[in-house]
Amino acid sequence: MTLRCLFVDFNSYFASVEQQENPRLRKRPIAVVPVHAETTCCIAASVEAKRFGVQTGTLVRDARKLCPRIEFVLARPAKYVEWHHRLLRAIDRVIPVLGDGDVARGVRSIDEVACELLGSQRRRDNAETLARRIKNEIRVLTGGDALRCSIGIAPNELLAKTASDMQKPDGLTIIEQADLPRVLHPLQLQDL
């Protein structure tokens, strides 16, 4: 099995967009919420908030207990869609994401993109170079490190997605045939 898929997963996407848009929020624990209310839940948590145990679905009142310094930010879906399109264009400068008529065939969600590796791109060194170029394009676009991604490269999309989750934030993991099944042994069932 050769490397066939490069999977880009933007870390803590909604929270990272808010940190990108508002430098005051960078490197601080934040959570994105649908409404300002103690009874609602977090729809996204920054990397910094996750270190305290705040996750998607954590109730606001519980998030305050886990992380007393957390700041809550009201969700802005249109802003997340705007950044999604910017980030797709950045990835597309390195490896095609968009199909005919700008219909995204590799977009899996607002914060995940699968790219097919072709020809010499399937060689490990070339695939890794593509991943590093994608990360660089994103750094250039954002002017820093507020918006980061983890990239997984593997023989198929499931393994590439799994690889992208293995090293967060800002990771790059490559799973080759020779790594299987050993590389999957430490994972929990829900990781797959």
C-alpha atoms as a PDB file:
ATOM      1  CA  MET A   1       0.000   0.000   0.000  1.00  0.00           C
ATOM      2  CA  THR A   2       1.416   3.365  -0.988  1.00  0.00           C
ATOM      3  CA  LEU A   3       0.606   6.748   0.501  1.00  0.00           C
ATOM      4  CA  ARG A   4      -2.573   7.983  -1.176  1.00  0.00           C
ATOM      5  CA  CYS A   5      -4.187  10.544   1.140  1.00  0.00           C
ATOM      6  CA  LEU A   6      -3.087  13.749   2.858  1.00  0.00           C
ATOM      7  CA  PHE A   7      -5.634  14.827   5.481  1.00  0.00           C
ATOM      8  CA  VAL A   8      -5.668  18.363   6.920  1.00  0.00           C
ATOM      9  CA  ASP A   9      -7.467  18.925  10.242  1.00  0.00           C
ATOM     10  CA  PHE A  10      -7.582  22.471  11.632  1.00  0.00           C
ATOM     11  CA  ASN A  11      -6.994  22.440  15.382  1.00  0.00           C
ATOM     12  CA  SER A  12      -9.727  23.862  17.639  1.00  0.00           C
ATOM     13  CA  TYR A  13     -11.063  25.551  14.528  1.00  0.00           C
ATOM     14  CA  PHE A  14     -13.792  27.951  15.753  1.00  0.00           C
ATOM     15  CA  ALA A  15     -11.721  28.983  18.774  1.00  0.00           C
ATOM     16  CA  SER A  16      -8.611  29.372  16.623  1.00  0.00           C
ATOM     17  CA  VAL A  17     -10.467  31.628  14.182  1.00  0.00           C
ATOM     18  CA  GLU A  18     -11.531  33.798  17.111  1.00  0.00           C
ATOM     19  CA  GLN A  19      -7.916  33.950  18.301  1.00  0.00           C
ATOM     20  CA  GLN A  20      -6.790  34.793  14.768  1.00  0.00           C
ATOM     21  CA  GLU A  21      -9.322  37.605  14.527  1.00  0.00           C
ATOM     22  CA  ASN A  22      -8.626  38.985  17.997  1.00  0.00           C
ATOM     23  CA  PRO A  23      -4.928  38.897  19.011  1.00  0.00           C
ATOM     24  CA  ARG A  24      -5.911  39.622  22.644  1.00  0.00           C
ATOM     25  CA  LEU A  25      -7.372  36.101  22.798  1.00  0.00           C
ATOM     26  CA  ARG A  26      -4.228  34.350  21.558  1.00  0.00           C
ATOM     27  CA  LYS A  27      -2.543  31.913  23.922  1.00  0.00           C
ATOM     28  CA  ARG A  28      -5.492  32.274  26.332  1.00  0.00           C
ATOM     29  CA  PRO A  29      -8.112  29.682  27.259  1.00  0.00           C
ATOM     30  CA  ILE A  30     -11.300  30.482  25.357  1.00  0.00           C
ATOM     31  CA  ALA A  31     -14.472  28.658  24.419  1.00  0.00           C
ATOM     32  CA  VAL A  32     -16.933  29.472  21.671  1.00  0.00           C
ATOM     33  CA  VAL A  33     -20.585  29.360  22.721  1.00  0.00           C
ATOM     34  CA  PRO A  34     -23.877  29.686  20.785  1.00  0.00           C
ATOM     35  CA  VAL A  35     -25.342  32.096  23.391  1.00  0.00           C
ATOM     36  CA  HIS A  36     -24.068  33.740  26.553  1.00  0.00           C
ATOM     37  CA  ALA A  37     -25.714  31.555  29.208  1.00  0.00           C
ATOM     38  CA  GLU A  38     -24.428  29.318  31.986  1.00  0.00           C
ATOM     39  CA  THR A  39     -26.718  26.510  30.817  1.00  0.00           C
ATOM     40  CA  THR A  40     -25.379  26.273  27.267  1.00  0.00           C
ATOM     41  CA  CYS A  41     -22.377  24.254  26.180  1.00  0.00           C
ATOM     42  CA  CYS A  42     -19.087  25.049  24.502  1.00  0.00           C
ATOM     43  CA  ILE A  43     -19.148  24.366  20.772  1.00  0.00           C
ATOM     44  CA  ALA A  44     -15.355  24.756  20.563  1.00  0.00           C
ATOM     45  CA  ALA A  45     -12.471  25.135  22.981  1.00  0.00           C
ATOM     46  CA  SER A  46      -9.039  26.579  22.325  1.00  0.00           C
ATOM     47  CA  VAL A  47      -5.948  24.423  22.698  1.00  0.00           C
ATOM     48  CA  GLU A  48      -5.248  26.326  25.915  1.00  0.00           C
ATOM     49  CA  ALA A  49      -8.732  25.546  27.323  1.00  0.00           C
ATOM     50  CA  LYS A  50      -8.442  21.884  26.345  1.00  0.00           C
ATOM     51  CA  ARG A  51      -5.408  21.601  28.627  1.00  0.00           C
ATOM     52  CA  PHE A  52      -7.810  22.207  31.532  1.00  0.00           C
ATOM     53  CA  GLY A  53     -10.267  19.558  30.314  1.00  0.00           C
ATOM     54  CA  VAL A  54     -12.709  21.875  28.503  1.00  0.00           C
ATOM     55  CA  GLN A  55     -14.041  20.108  25.408  1.00  0.00           C
ATOM     56  CA  THR A  56     -16.758  20.506  22.823  1.00  0.00           C
ATOM     57  CA  GLY A  57     -19.996  19.864  24.703  1.00  0.00           C
ATOM     58  CA  THR A  58     -18.722  20.998  28.108  1.00  0.00           C
ATOM     59  CA  LEU A  59     -21.360  23.078  29.894  1.00  0.00           C
ATOM     60  CA  VAL A  60     -20.327  26.708  30.457  1.00  0.00           C
ATOM     61  CA  ARG A  61     -20.707  26.387  34.233  1.00  0.00           C
ATOM     62  CA  ASP A  62     -18.499  23.274  34.216  1.00  0.00           C
ATOM     63  CA  ALA A  63     -15.945  24.985  31.969  1.00  0.00           C
ATOM     64  CA  ARG A  64     -15.686  27.818  34.533  1.00  0.00           C
ATOM     65  CA  LYS A  65     -14.936  25.253  37.259  1.00  0.00           C
ATOM     66  CA  LEU A  66     -12.321  23.490  35.143  1.00  0.00           C
ATOM     67  CA  CYS A  67     -10.704  26.729  33.987  1.00  0.00           C
ATOM     68  CA  PRO A  68     -11.570  29.826  36.050  1.00  0.00           C
ATOM     69  CA  ARG A  69      -9.725  32.171  33.635  1.00  0.00           C
ATOM     70  CA  ILE A  70     -11.621  30.958  30.555  1.00  0.00           C
ATOM     71  CA  GLU A  71     -13.197  33.566  28.306  1.00  0.00           C
ATOM     72  CA  PHE A  72     -16.383  32.823  26.378  1.00  0.00           C
ATOM     73  CA  VAL A  73     -16.823  34.125  22.851  1.00  0.00           C
ATOM     74  CA  LEU A  74     -20.102  34.213  20.957  1.00  0.00           C
ATOM     75  CA  ALA A  75     -20.032  32.047  17.816  1.00  0.00           C
ATOM     76  CA  ARG A  76     -19.751  33.776  14.432  1.00  0.00           C
ATOM     77  CA  PRO A  77     -20.558  31.128  11.790  1.00  0.00           C
ATOM     78  CA  ALA A  78     -20.136  33.474   8.824  1.00  0.00           C
ATOM     79  CA  LYS A  79     -16.593  34.265   9.964  1.00  0.00           C
ATOM     80  CA  TYR A  80     -15.751  30.545  10.186  1.00  0.00           C
ATOM     81  CA  VAL A  81     -17.047  30.007   6.646  1.00  0.00           C
ATOM     82  CA  GLU A  82     -15.003  32.986   5.405  1.00  0.00           C
ATOM     83  CA  TRP A  83     -11.817  31.555   6.934  1.00  0.00           C
ATOM     84  CA  HIS A  84     -12.697  28.093   5.603  1.00  0.00           C
ATOM     85  CA  HIS A  85     -12.598  29.439   2.040  1.00  0.00           C
ATOM     86  CA  ARG A  86      -9.324  31.319   2.659  1.00  0.00           C
ATOM     87  CA  LEU A  87      -7.729  28.186   4.059  1.00  0.00           C
ATOM     88  CA  LEU A  88      -8.953  26.061   1.144  1.00  0.00           C
ATOM     89  CA  ARG A  89      -7.303  28.496  -1.255  1.00  0.00           C
ATOM     90  CA  ALA A  90      -4.053  28.275   0.740  1.00  0.00           C
ATOM     91  CA  ILE A  91      -4.102  24.461   0.582  1.00  0.00           C
ATOM     92  CA  ASP A  92      -5.049  24.565  -3.094  1.00  0.00           C
ATOM     93  CA  ARG A  93      -1.864  26.542  -3.846  1.00  0.00           C
ATOM     94  CA  VAL A  94       0.055  23.427  -2.789  1.00  0.00           C
ATOM     95  CA  ILE A  95      -2.203  20.518  -3.764  1.00  0.00           C
ATOM     96  CA  PRO A  96      -5.623  20.548  -5.462  1.00  0.00           C
ATOM     97  CA  VAL A  97      -8.656  20.616  -3.203  1.00  0.00           C
ATOM     98  CA  LEU A  98     -11.284  22.199  -5.414  1.00  0.00           C
ATOM     99  CA  GLY A  99     -12.966  20.385  -8.257  1.00  0.00           C
ATOM    100  CA  ASP A 100     -14.729  21.724 -11.349  1.00  0.00           C
ATOM    101  CA  GLY A 101     -16.782  24.825 -10.697  1.00  0.00           C
ATOM    102  CA  ASP A 102     -15.180  25.212  -7.251  1.00  0.00           C
ATOM    103  CA  VAL A 103     -17.167  22.303  -5.874  1.00  0.00           C
ATOM    104  CA  ALA A 104     -14.975  21.019  -3.086  1.00  0.00           C
ATOM    105  CA  ARG A 105     -14.692  17.265  -3.504  1.00  0.00           C
ATOM    106  CA  GLY A 106     -12.166  16.781  -0.699  1.00  0.00           C
ATOM    107  CA  VAL A 107     -13.865  18.927   1.936  1.00  0.00           C
ATOM    108  CA  ARG A 108     -15.072  16.719   4.777  1.00  0.00           C
ATOM    109  CA  SER A 109     -16.256  19.487   7.128  1.00  0.00           C
ATOM    110  CA  ILE A 110     -15.579  23.149   7.817  1.00  0.00           C
ATOM    111  CA  ASP A 111     -12.262  22.187   9.441  1.00  0.00           C
ATOM    112  CA  GLU A 112     -11.192  19.032   7.570  1.00  0.00           C
ATOM    113  CA  VAL A 113      -9.909  18.462   4.039  1.00  0.00           C
ATOM    114  CA  ALA A 114      -8.755  15.284   2.315  1.00  0.00           C
ATOM    115  CA  CYS A 115      -6.343  15.584  -0.624  1.00  0.00           C
ATOM    116  CA  GLU A 116      -5.477  12.765  -3.005  1.00  0.00           C
ATOM    117  CA  LEU A 117      -1.781  12.084  -3.545  1.00  0.00           C
ATOM    118  CA  LEU A 118      -0.878  11.240  -7.128  1.00  0.00           C
ATOM    119  CA  GLY A 119       2.221   9.931  -8.864  1.00  0.00           C
ATOM    120  CA  SER A 120       5.459  11.028  -7.222  1.00  0.00           C
ATOM    121  CA  GLN A 121       3.487  12.789  -4.449  1.00  0.00           C
ATOM    122  CA  ARG A 122       2.976   9.305  -2.986  1.00  0.00           C
ATOM    123  CA  ARG A 123       6.634   9.006  -2.052  1.00  0.00           C
ATOM    124  CA  ARG A 124       7.100   9.700   1.653  1.00  0.00           C
ATOM    125  CA  ASP A 125       9.583  12.539   1.189  1.00  0.00           C
ATOM    126  CA  ASN A 126       7.407  14.291  -1.401  1.00  0.00           C
ATOM    127  CA  ALA A 127       4.222  13.852   0.659  1.00  0.00           C
ATOM    128  CA  GLU A 128       5.974  15.238   3.740  1.00  0.00           C
ATOM    129  CA  THR A 129       7.233  18.210   1.698  1.00  0.00           C
ATOM    130  CA  LEU A 130       3.661  18.914   0.547  1.00  0.00           C
ATOM    131  CA  ALA A 131       2.440  18.828   4.151  1.00  0.00           C
ATOM    132  CA  ARG A 132       5.141  21.265   5.268  1.00  0.00           C
ATOM    133  CA  ARG A 133       4.322  23.563   2.337  1.00  0.00           C
ATOM    134  CA  ILE A 134       0.635  23.542   3.364  1.00  0.00           C
ATOM    135  CA  LYS A 135       1.596  24.471   6.918  1.00  0.00           C
ATOM    136  CA  ASN A 136       3.790  27.271   5.568  1.00  0.00           C
ATOM    137  CA  GLU A 137       1.012  28.605   3.311  1.00  0.00           C
ATOM    138  CA  ILE A 138      -1.277  28.757   6.336  1.00  0.00           C
ATOM    139  CA  ARG A 139       1.383  30.550   8.419  1.00  0.00           C
ATOM    140  CA  VAL A 140       1.862  33.087   5.628  1.00  0.00           C
ATOM    141  CA  LEU A 141      -1.907  33.587   5.315  1.00  0.00           C
ATOM    142  CA  THR A 142      -2.427  34.056   9.042  1.00  0.00           C
ATOM    143  CA  GLY A 143       0.802  35.862   9.836  1.00  0.00           C
ATOM    144  CA  GLY A 144       1.529  33.608  12.773  1.00  0.00           C
ATOM    145  CA  ASP A 145       0.412  30.594  14.724  1.00  0.00           C
ATOM    146  CA  ALA A 146      -3.162  31.279  15.843  1.00  0.00           C
ATOM    147  CA  LEU A 147      -4.636  29.026  13.157  1.00  0.00           C
ATOM    148  CA  ARG A 148      -2.816  25.710  13.012  1.00  0.00           C
ATOM    149  CA  CYS A 149      -3.472  22.329  11.502  1.00  0.00           C
ATOM    150  CA  SER A 150      -2.500  18.750  12.036  1.00  0.00           C
ATOM    151  CA  ILE A 151      -1.822  16.703   8.926  1.00  0.00           C
ATOM    152  CA  GLY A 152      -2.011  12.952   8.494  1.00  0.00           C
ATOM    153  CA  ILE A 153      -0.646  11.074   5.515  1.00  0.00           C
ATOM    154  CA  ALA A 154      -1.499   7.422   4.914  1.00  0.00           C
ATOM    155  CA  PRO A 155      -2.549   4.794   2.358  1.00  0.00           C
ATOM    156  CA  ASN A 156      -6.242   5.657   2.741  1.00  0.00           C
ATOM    157  CA  GLU A 157      -8.462   8.416   4.101  1.00  0.00           C
ATOM    158  CA  LEU A 158      -9.438   6.640   7.326  1.00  0.00           C
ATOM    159  CA  LEU A 159      -5.802   6.089   8.278  1.00  0.00           C
ATOM    160  CA  ALA A 160      -4.849   9.628   7.192  1.00  0.00           C
ATOM    161  CA  LYS A 161      -7.642  11.091   9.343  1.00  0.00           C
ATOM    162  CA  THR A 162      -6.534   8.884  12.239  1.00  0.00           C
ATOM    163  CA  ALA A 163      -2.926  10.046  11.714  1.00  0.00           C
ATOM    164  CA  SER A 164      -4.024  13.703  11.778  1.00  0.00           C
ATOM    165  CA  ASP A 165      -5.486  13.109  15.258  1.00  0.00           C
ATOM    166  CA  MET A 166      -2.377  11.408  16.636  1.00  0.00           C
ATOM    167  CA  GLN A 167      -0.273  14.527  17.093  1.00  0.00           C
ATOM    168  CA  LYS A 168      -2.174  17.675  18.043  1.00  0.00           C
ATOM    169  CA  PRO A 169      -1.845  20.567  17.872  1.00  0.00           C
ATOM    170  CA  ASP A 170       0.138  21.361  14.732  1.00  0.00           C
ATOM    171  CA  GLY A 171       1.334  17.811  14.115  1.00  0.00           C
ATOM    172  CA  LEU A 172       2.401  15.840  11.076  1.00  0.00           C
ATOM    173  CA  THR A 173       2.052  12.059  11.227  1.00  0.00           C
ATOM    174  CA  ILE A 174       2.737   9.608   8.432  1.00  0.00           C
ATOM    175  CA  ILE A 175       1.450   6.035   8.560  1.00  0.00           C
ATOM    176  CA  GLU A 176       2.966   3.637   6.063  1.00  0.00           C
ATOM    177  CA  GLN A 177       2.137  -0.014   5.433  1.00  0.00           C
ATOM    178  CA  ALA A 178       5.192  -1.099   7.449  1.00  0.00           C
ATOM    179  CA  ASP A 179       3.812   0.776  10.485  1.00  0.00           C
ATOM    180  CA  LEU A 180       0.609  -1.288  10.556  1.00  0.00           C
ATOM    181  CA  PRO A 181      -0.910  -2.537  12.761  1.00  0.00           C
ATOM    182  CA  ARG A 182       1.655  -1.585  15.460  1.00  0.00           C
ATOM    183  CA  VAL A 183       0.985   2.184  15.160  1.00  0.00           C
ATOM    184  CA  LEU A 184      -2.719   1.626  15.889  1.00  0.00           C
ATOM    185  CA  HIS A 185      -2.237  -0.495  19.050  1.00  0.00           C
ATOM    186  CA  PRO A 186      -2.012   2.451  21.499  1.00  0.00           C
ATOM    187  CA  LEU A 187      -5.290   3.948  20.202  1.00  0.00           C
ATOM    188  CA  GLN A 188      -8.614   3.562  21.956  1.00  0.00           C
ATOM    189  CA  LEU A 189     -11.604   2.299  19.956  1.00  0.00           C
ATOM    190  CA  GLN A 190     -13.214   5.791  19.975  1.00  0.00           C
ATOM    191  CA  ASP A 191     -10.021   7.194  18.370  1.00  0.00           C
ATOM    192  CA  LEU A 192     -11.001   5.293  15.236  1.00  0.00           C
END
